[in-house]
Amino acid sequence: MTARKILPPIGARIIKSSAAVALCMMVYYIRTHLPVGNGIPFYSALAALWCLQPSSDTAKHNAGQRSIGTFIGALYGLIFILLLRIIGITEAMRVYLLASLMIIPVIYLTVVLD
């Protein structure tokens, strides 16, 4: 007769992950009832799961890194949109190509600042 495997208990990290996703979904639900717009809860839930780490030090580091990256990306995005309007580029393929190239300094700056 074979011995049955005992399943490991559900740990605190799994519970925290579930709570983080639930919080993201609640914020999404509240936002759908406010005039601020909808958004997509998938990305916030994914970010919450990515930031949850085994220790609080790594979680803080990842959250800080993500915040800095978001700020830098938003700043570069604003500059990109303003430059497109000033220069007058409207052709979709050119915009996509320039956006793809603009990612290089954005990612590089976040790496340098880390």
Protein backbone atom coordinates (compact mmCIF):
# COMPACT_ATOMS: atom_id res chain seq x y z
CA MET A 1 0.00 0.00 0.00
CA THR A 2 1.38 3.43 -0.91
CA ALA A 3 1.54 6.20 1.62
CA ARG A 4 -0.51 9.28 0.90
CA LYS A 5 1.39 12.51 0.55
CA ILE A 6 0.47 15.18 3.03
CA LEU A 7 -0.14 18.53 1.46
CA PRO A 8 1.82 21.43 2.92
CA PRO A 9 -0.18 24.05 4.82
CA ILE A 10 -1.17 27.29 3.16
CA GLY A 11 1.47 29.83 4.15
CA ALA A 12 1.33 33.50 5.01
CA ARG A 13 2.72 34.54 1.63
CA ILE A 14 -0.18 32.85 -0.16
CA ILE A 15 -2.65 34.58 2.16
CA LYS A 16 -0.92 37.95 1.63
CA SER A 17 -1.00 37.42 -2.13
CA SER A 18 -4.69 36.67 -2.03
CA ALA A 19 -5.36 39.73 0.12
CA ALA A 20 -3.33 41.94 -2.24
CA VAL A 21 -5.27 40.74 -5.28
CA ALA A 22 -8.56 41.19 -3.40
CA LEU A 23 -7.56 44.74 -2.48
CA CYS A 24 -6.76 45.50 -6.13
CA MET A 25 -10.13 44.15 -7.19
CA MET A 26 -11.93 46.19 -4.52
CA VAL A 27 -10.19 49.37 -5.66
CA TYR A 28 -11.21 48.54 -9.23
CA TYR A 29 -14.80 47.95 -8.14
CA ILE A 30 -14.91 51.28 -6.29
CA ARG A 31 -13.38 53.09 -9.27
CA THR A 32 -16.09 51.76 -11.58
CA HIS A 33 -18.65 53.60 -9.45
CA LEU A 34 -16.73 56.88 -9.43
CA PRO A 35 -16.23 59.33 -12.29
CA VAL A 36 -12.47 58.66 -12.36
CA GLY A 37 -12.65 55.87 -14.91
CA ASN A 38 -12.31 52.13 -14.95
CA GLY A 39 -8.85 50.82 -15.71
CA ILE A 40 -7.87 47.17 -15.79
CA PRO A 41 -7.42 45.41 -12.43
CA PHE A 42 -5.20 42.71 -13.94
CA TYR A 43 -2.14 44.96 -14.07
CA SER A 44 -2.49 46.24 -10.52
CA ALA A 45 -2.96 42.69 -9.26
CA LEU A 46 0.10 41.58 -11.20
CA ALA A 47 2.13 44.44 -9.74
CA ALA A 48 0.97 43.56 -6.23
CA LEU A 49 1.99 39.93 -6.70
CA TRP A 50 5.34 40.97 -8.14
CA CYS A 51 6.04 43.26 -5.18
CA LEU A 52 5.18 40.63 -2.57
CA GLN A 53 8.44 39.05 -1.52
CA PRO A 54 9.56 36.63 1.19
CA SER A 55 11.05 39.44 3.28
CA SER A 56 9.99 43.01 3.89
CA ASP A 57 13.38 44.33 2.74
CA THR A 58 13.09 42.85 -0.75
CA ALA A 59 9.43 43.90 -0.93
CA LYS A 60 10.36 47.50 -0.10
CA HIS A 61 13.19 47.43 -2.62
CA ASN A 62 10.94 46.11 -5.40
CA ALA A 63 8.15 48.55 -4.57
CA GLY A 64 10.60 51.44 -4.58
CA GLN A 65 12.17 50.28 -7.81
CA ARG A 66 8.74 49.99 -9.42
CA SER A 67 7.73 53.45 -8.21
CA ILE A 68 10.89 55.04 -9.58
CA GLY A 69 10.46 53.19 -12.87
CA THR A 70 6.84 54.31 -13.16
CA PHE A 71 7.76 57.93 -12.50
CA ILE A 72 10.60 57.87 -15.02
CA GLY A 73 8.39 56.14 -17.60
CA ALA A 74 5.63 58.70 -17.10
CA LEU A 75 8.08 61.58 -17.46
CA TYR A 76 9.58 60.13 -20.64
CA GLY A 77 6.06 59.43 -21.94
CA LEU A 78 5.06 63.05 -21.40
CA ILE A 79 8.20 64.27 -23.15
CA PHE A 80 7.53 61.82 -25.98
CA ILE A 81 3.96 63.02 -26.49
CA LEU A 82 5.01 66.67 -26.38
CA LEU A 83 7.79 66.07 -28.90
CA LEU A 84 5.40 64.26 -31.23
CA ARG A 85 3.04 67.22 -31.13
CA ILE A 86 5.80 69.79 -31.61
CA ILE A 87 7.43 67.91 -34.48
CA GLY A 88 4.07 66.89 -35.93
CA ILE A 89 4.64 63.16 -36.35
CA THR A 90 1.29 61.44 -36.80
CA GLU A 91 2.09 58.39 -38.94
CA ALA A 92 1.42 55.34 -36.78
CA MET A 93 4.48 53.31 -37.83
CA ARG A 94 6.84 56.20 -37.06
CA VAL A 95 5.21 56.75 -33.68
CA TYR A 96 5.55 53.03 -32.84
CA LEU A 97 9.18 52.96 -33.94
CA LEU A 98 10.04 56.06 -31.93
CA ALA A 99 8.21 54.68 -28.89
CA SER A 100 10.19 51.45 -29.20
CA LEU A 101 13.44 53.40 -29.32
CA MET A 102 12.37 55.62 -26.42
CA ILE A 103 12.18 52.53 -24.20
CA ILE A 104 15.98 52.20 -24.32
CA PRO A 105 16.80 55.34 -22.31
CA VAL A 106 13.86 54.71 -19.96
CA ILE A 107 15.05 51.24 -18.99
CA TYR A 108 18.69 52.32 -18.94
CA LEU A 109 17.98 55.19 -16.57
CA THR A 110 16.08 52.94 -14.17
CA VAL A 111 19.01 50.50 -14.17
CA VAL A 112 21.51 53.29 -13.54
CA LEU A 113 19.44 54.75 -10.69
CA ASP A 114 19.02 51.38 -8.99
